[in-house]
N, C-alpha and C. Protein backbone atom coordinates (compact mmCIF):
# COMPACT_ATOMS: atom_id res chain seq x y z
N MET A 1 -7.29 0.47 -7.41
CA MET A 1 -6.48 1.66 -7.38
C MET A 1 -5.04 1.30 -7.01
N LEU A 2 -4.87 0.43 -6.04
CA LEU A 2 -3.53 0.03 -5.62
C LEU A 2 -2.78 -0.66 -6.76
N LEU A 3 -3.46 -1.54 -7.48
CA LEU A 3 -2.80 -2.24 -8.59
C LEU A 3 -2.46 -1.28 -9.73
N GLN A 4 -3.30 -0.26 -9.94
CA GLN A 4 -2.99 0.74 -10.97
C GLN A 4 -1.74 1.53 -10.58
N MET A 5 -1.62 1.88 -9.30
CA MET A 5 -0.42 2.59 -8.84
C MET A 5 0.80 1.70 -9.01
N HIS A 6 0.69 0.45 -8.65
CA HIS A 6 1.79 -0.52 -8.78
C HIS A 6 2.21 -0.63 -10.24
N ARG A 7 1.24 -0.71 -11.15
CA ARG A 7 1.54 -0.82 -12.58
C ARG A 7 2.27 0.43 -13.06
N GLY A 8 1.77 1.60 -12.66
CA GLY A 8 2.39 2.85 -13.09
C GLY A 8 3.83 2.99 -12.64
N ILE A 9 4.12 2.49 -11.45
CA ILE A 9 5.48 2.61 -10.91
C ILE A 9 6.43 1.58 -11.52
N LEU A 10 5.94 0.36 -11.74
CA LEU A 10 6.83 -0.74 -12.11
C LEU A 10 6.72 -1.25 -13.55
N GLU A 11 5.85 -0.66 -14.36
CA GLU A 11 5.62 -1.23 -15.69
C GLU A 11 6.87 -1.21 -16.58
N LYS A 12 7.76 -0.26 -16.40
CA LYS A 12 8.97 -0.23 -17.23
C LYS A 12 10.03 -1.18 -16.70
N SER A 13 10.09 -1.34 -15.39
CA SER A 13 11.11 -2.20 -14.78
C SER A 13 10.73 -3.68 -14.83
N TRP A 14 9.49 -3.96 -14.46
CA TRP A 14 9.01 -5.35 -14.40
C TRP A 14 7.65 -5.47 -15.08
N PRO A 15 7.60 -5.39 -16.40
CA PRO A 15 6.31 -5.38 -17.09
C PRO A 15 5.48 -6.66 -16.88
N ASP A 16 6.13 -7.78 -16.62
CA ASP A 16 5.39 -9.04 -16.44
C ASP A 16 4.64 -9.10 -15.12
N THR A 17 5.10 -8.36 -14.11
CA THR A 17 4.47 -8.44 -12.79
C THR A 17 3.82 -7.13 -12.35
N ALA A 18 4.04 -6.06 -13.09
CA ALA A 18 3.48 -4.76 -12.71
C ALA A 18 1.95 -4.82 -12.73
N GLY A 19 1.35 -4.34 -11.66
CA GLY A 19 -0.10 -4.26 -11.59
C GLY A 19 -0.79 -5.57 -11.27
N ARG A 20 -0.06 -6.54 -10.75
CA ARG A 20 -0.65 -7.84 -10.40
C ARG A 20 -0.21 -8.23 -8.99
N PHE A 21 -1.11 -8.88 -8.26
CA PHE A 21 -0.70 -9.45 -6.99
C PHE A 21 0.15 -10.67 -7.28
N LEU A 22 1.30 -10.76 -6.64
CA LEU A 22 2.19 -11.89 -6.85
C LEU A 22 1.72 -13.07 -6.00
N GLN A 23 2.01 -14.25 -6.46
CA GLN A 23 1.59 -15.47 -5.76
C GLN A 23 2.78 -16.22 -5.20
N GLY A 24 3.77 -15.51 -4.78
CA GLY A 24 4.96 -16.11 -4.20
C GLY A 24 5.75 -15.07 -3.44
N GLU A 25 6.74 -15.51 -2.71
CA GLU A 25 7.56 -14.60 -1.93
C GLU A 25 8.41 -13.74 -2.84
N VAL A 26 8.56 -12.47 -2.47
CA VAL A 26 9.33 -11.52 -3.26
C VAL A 26 10.62 -11.20 -2.52
N ARG A 27 11.72 -11.22 -3.23
CA ARG A 27 13.01 -10.82 -2.65
C ARG A 27 13.59 -9.72 -3.54
N ILE A 28 14.02 -8.66 -2.90
CA ILE A 28 14.59 -7.53 -3.61
C ILE A 28 16.05 -7.43 -3.18
N ALA A 29 16.95 -7.44 -4.14
CA ALA A 29 18.38 -7.43 -3.84
C ALA A 29 18.78 -6.13 -3.14
N ASP A 30 19.68 -6.25 -2.19
CA ASP A 30 20.29 -5.11 -1.49
C ASP A 30 19.27 -4.19 -0.81
N ILE A 31 18.25 -4.75 -0.21
CA ILE A 31 17.27 -3.96 0.51
C ILE A 31 17.17 -4.47 1.94
N LEU A 32 17.11 -3.55 2.88
CA LEU A 32 17.04 -3.94 4.28
C LEU A 32 15.64 -4.36 4.69
N HIS A 33 14.63 -3.70 4.12
CA HIS A 33 13.24 -4.03 4.43
C HIS A 33 12.79 -5.21 3.58
N ARG A 34 12.19 -6.19 4.20
CA ARG A 34 11.70 -7.34 3.46
C ARG A 34 10.18 -7.22 3.30
N PRO A 35 9.66 -7.29 2.08
CA PRO A 35 8.22 -7.17 1.87
C PRO A 35 7.47 -8.27 2.62
N PRO A 36 6.21 -8.01 2.97
CA PRO A 36 5.43 -9.05 3.65
C PRO A 36 5.18 -10.24 2.73
N TYR A 37 5.00 -11.39 3.33
CA TYR A 37 4.68 -12.58 2.55
C TYR A 37 3.36 -12.32 1.82
N TYR A 38 3.23 -12.77 0.59
CA TYR A 38 2.11 -12.41 -0.26
C TYR A 38 0.75 -12.70 0.35
N SER A 39 0.65 -13.74 1.16
CA SER A 39 -0.66 -14.08 1.73
C SER A 39 -1.06 -13.12 2.85
N LYS A 40 -0.14 -12.29 3.31
CA LYS A 40 -0.42 -11.33 4.39
C LYS A 40 -0.73 -9.93 3.86
N VAL A 41 -0.54 -9.68 2.58
CA VAL A 41 -0.70 -8.34 2.02
C VAL A 41 -2.13 -7.82 2.20
N GLN A 42 -3.12 -8.62 1.88
CA GLN A 42 -4.51 -8.17 1.97
C GLN A 42 -4.86 -7.77 3.41
N GLU A 43 -4.47 -8.57 4.38
CA GLU A 43 -4.75 -8.27 5.78
C GLU A 43 -4.05 -6.99 6.22
N GLN A 44 -2.80 -6.81 5.81
CA GLN A 44 -2.06 -5.61 6.20
C GLN A 44 -2.63 -4.36 5.55
N LEU A 45 -3.06 -4.47 4.30
CA LEU A 45 -3.70 -3.33 3.64
C LEU A 45 -5.00 -2.96 4.34
N TYR A 46 -5.80 -3.96 4.69
CA TYR A 46 -7.06 -3.71 5.38
C TYR A 46 -6.80 -2.97 6.69
N GLN A 47 -5.82 -3.42 7.45
CA GLN A 47 -5.50 -2.78 8.73
C GLN A 47 -5.02 -1.35 8.53
N ALA A 48 -4.18 -1.14 7.52
CA ALA A 48 -3.67 0.21 7.26
C ALA A 48 -4.79 1.15 6.84
N PHE A 49 -5.66 0.70 5.93
CA PHE A 49 -6.76 1.55 5.48
C PHE A 49 -7.77 1.79 6.59
N ALA A 50 -8.01 0.81 7.44
CA ALA A 50 -8.92 0.99 8.58
C ALA A 50 -8.36 2.04 9.53
N SER A 51 -7.06 2.02 9.76
CA SER A 51 -6.42 3.01 10.62
C SER A 51 -6.54 4.41 10.03
N ILE A 52 -6.29 4.53 8.74
CA ILE A 52 -6.43 5.84 8.07
C ILE A 52 -7.86 6.32 8.17
N ASN A 53 -8.81 5.43 7.93
CA ASN A 53 -10.23 5.78 8.00
C ASN A 53 -10.60 6.28 9.40
N ASP A 54 -10.14 5.59 10.42
CA ASP A 54 -10.42 5.99 11.80
C ASP A 54 -9.84 7.37 12.10
N ARG A 55 -8.63 7.62 11.63
CA ARG A 55 -8.00 8.92 11.88
C ARG A 55 -8.72 10.04 11.13
N LEU A 56 -9.21 9.76 9.91
CA LEU A 56 -9.93 10.78 9.16
C LEU A 56 -11.24 11.14 9.85
N PHE A 57 -11.96 10.13 10.39
CA PHE A 57 -13.21 10.41 11.08
C PHE A 57 -12.99 11.14 12.39
N ALA A 58 -11.81 11.05 12.96
CA ALA A 58 -11.51 11.73 14.23
C ALA A 58 -11.22 13.22 14.03
N ILE A 59 -11.00 13.64 12.80
CA ILE A 59 -10.70 15.04 12.53
C ILE A 59 -11.97 15.85 12.71
N LYS A 60 -11.86 16.89 13.48
CA LYS A 60 -12.99 17.78 13.73
C LYS A 60 -13.12 18.78 12.58
N GLU A 61 -14.25 19.44 12.53
CA GLU A 61 -14.47 20.46 11.52
C GLU A 61 -13.43 21.56 11.69
N VAL A 62 -12.86 22.00 10.61
CA VAL A 62 -11.85 23.06 10.65
C VAL A 62 -12.56 24.42 10.58
N THR A 63 -12.32 25.22 11.60
CA THR A 63 -12.86 26.59 11.64
C THR A 63 -11.69 27.53 11.87
N PRO A 64 -11.88 28.83 11.68
CA PRO A 64 -10.78 29.76 11.95
C PRO A 64 -10.25 29.65 13.38
N ASP A 65 -11.14 29.42 14.34
CA ASP A 65 -10.69 29.29 15.74
C ASP A 65 -9.98 27.97 16.00
N PHE A 66 -10.41 26.92 15.33
CA PHE A 66 -9.86 25.59 15.57
C PHE A 66 -8.58 25.35 14.76
N PHE A 67 -8.42 26.04 13.63
CA PHE A 67 -7.27 25.83 12.75
C PHE A 67 -6.00 26.17 13.47
């Protein structure tokens, strides 16, 4: 799903790399935020999705009184 989103966003700008995990460091001109090194992407995605999953499970049932 992530690679499909990447392809959809970048296929016109960078058709050769859109929808693929890169195997080298990425530098984007004139940007303050530096993307993570490619070997760290999988770990960071896992941590982010685990955090989202934990927060979703913490949500209680929505009722008129609780809403």
